Amino acid sequence: MTVSGNWNSAGAKIDAVTNAATVDFMGTGQTLTDAGSNNGNGVVFAKVLFQGSGTKTLSSGKFSVANNGLLTMAGTATLASGAI
């Protein structure tokens, strides 16, 4: 799945682990926000790629990479933890 804008999630479970799905953040200056997905457990990525340019900011909520998962940085993108 390719995300070129901001990420906003809430409520239900976001399944980014089954089938080792890759979530690719390729926009400029993106913000990731989670408001209680998966009963407050947040979003778990199997494979997550932050690429392109600008800062990708985890602004609120819970985000993690699964055991045996993969987080990749590419291009000139930077990752910031924001308020979490």
Protein backbone atom coordinates (compact mmCIF):
# COMPACT_ATOMS: atom_id res chain seq x y z
CA MET A 1 0.00 0.00 0.00
CA THR A 2 1.36 3.42 -0.94
CA VAL A 3 0.58 6.44 1.24
CA SER A 4 1.35 9.80 -0.33
CA GLY A 5 -0.53 11.97 2.18
CA ASN A 6 -0.94 11.89 5.94
CA TRP A 7 -1.96 8.73 7.86
CA ASN A 8 -4.93 8.95 10.24
CA SER A 9 -6.38 5.85 11.89
CA ALA A 10 -8.79 5.19 14.74
CA GLY A 11 -11.02 2.50 16.16
CA ALA A 12 -10.77 -0.80 14.28
CA LYS A 13 -7.71 -3.00 13.85
CA ILE A 14 -5.39 -2.01 11.00
CA ASP A 15 -3.96 -5.29 9.64
CA ALA A 16 -0.60 -4.41 8.10
CA VAL A 17 1.01 -7.72 9.18
CA THR A 18 -0.97 -10.50 7.42
CA ASN A 19 0.73 -11.51 4.17
CA ALA A 20 3.73 -9.34 5.15
CA ALA A 21 2.15 -6.29 3.53
CA THR A 22 4.47 -3.36 2.80
CA VAL A 23 3.25 0.12 3.67
CA ASP A 24 5.20 2.71 1.67
CA PHE A 25 5.15 6.33 2.86
CA MET A 26 6.42 8.31 -0.11
CA GLY A 27 5.01 11.80 0.32
CA THR A 28 6.74 14.95 1.47
CA GLY A 29 6.40 16.03 5.09
CA GLN A 30 3.92 13.35 6.21
CA THR A 31 2.27 13.04 9.63
CA LEU A 32 1.14 9.71 11.13
CA THR A 33 -1.64 9.86 13.73
CA ASP A 34 -3.42 6.98 15.46
CA ALA A 35 -6.36 7.53 17.80
CA GLY A 36 -6.82 4.17 19.48
CA SER A 37 -6.73 1.57 16.70
CA ASN A 38 -6.99 -2.09 17.72
CA ASN A 39 -8.47 -1.37 21.15
CA GLY A 40 -5.64 1.03 22.00
CA ASN A 41 -2.84 -1.30 20.85
CA GLY A 42 -2.10 0.88 17.82
CA VAL A 43 -0.81 0.06 14.35
CA VAL A 44 1.71 -2.74 13.74
CA PHE A 45 3.56 -2.83 10.42
CA ALA A 46 5.17 -5.95 8.94
CA LYS A 47 7.21 -3.94 6.45
CA VAL A 48 7.23 -0.17 6.44
CA LEU A 49 9.19 2.05 4.07
CA PHE A 50 9.74 5.77 4.58
CA GLN A 51 11.12 7.28 1.40
CA GLY A 52 11.19 10.41 -0.68
CA SER A 53 11.95 13.66 1.10
CA GLY A 54 10.87 15.59 4.13
CA THR A 55 10.14 14.52 7.68
CA LYS A 56 7.75 11.68 8.48
CA THR A 57 6.41 12.51 11.96
CA LEU A 58 4.75 9.98 14.30
CA SER A 59 2.63 12.66 15.97
CA SER A 60 0.35 10.67 18.30
CA GLY A 61 -0.81 7.15 19.07
CA LYS A 62 1.06 3.84 18.97
CA PHE A 63 3.08 2.58 16.01
CA SER A 64 5.40 -0.44 15.91
CA VAL A 65 7.12 -2.91 13.60
CA ALA A 66 6.23 -6.60 14.04
CA ASN A 67 8.73 -9.17 15.28
CA ASN A 68 10.75 -10.17 12.22
CA GLY A 69 9.41 -7.02 10.53
CA LEU A 70 11.40 -4.46 8.58
CA LEU A 71 11.63 -0.67 8.72
CA THR A 72 13.47 0.93 5.79
CA MET A 73 14.53 4.54 5.27
CA ALA A 74 15.30 5.71 1.73
CA GLY A 75 16.01 8.93 -0.13
CA THR A 76 16.41 11.98 2.11
CA ALA A 77 13.42 11.18 4.34
CA THR A 78 13.83 11.53 8.10
CA LEU A 79 11.69 9.98 10.84
CA ALA A 80 10.66 11.98 13.90
CA SER A 81 8.85 10.64 16.96
CA GLY A 82 6.87 13.82 17.58
CA ALA A 83 4.91 13.66 20.83
CA ILE A 84 5.02 9.88 21.32
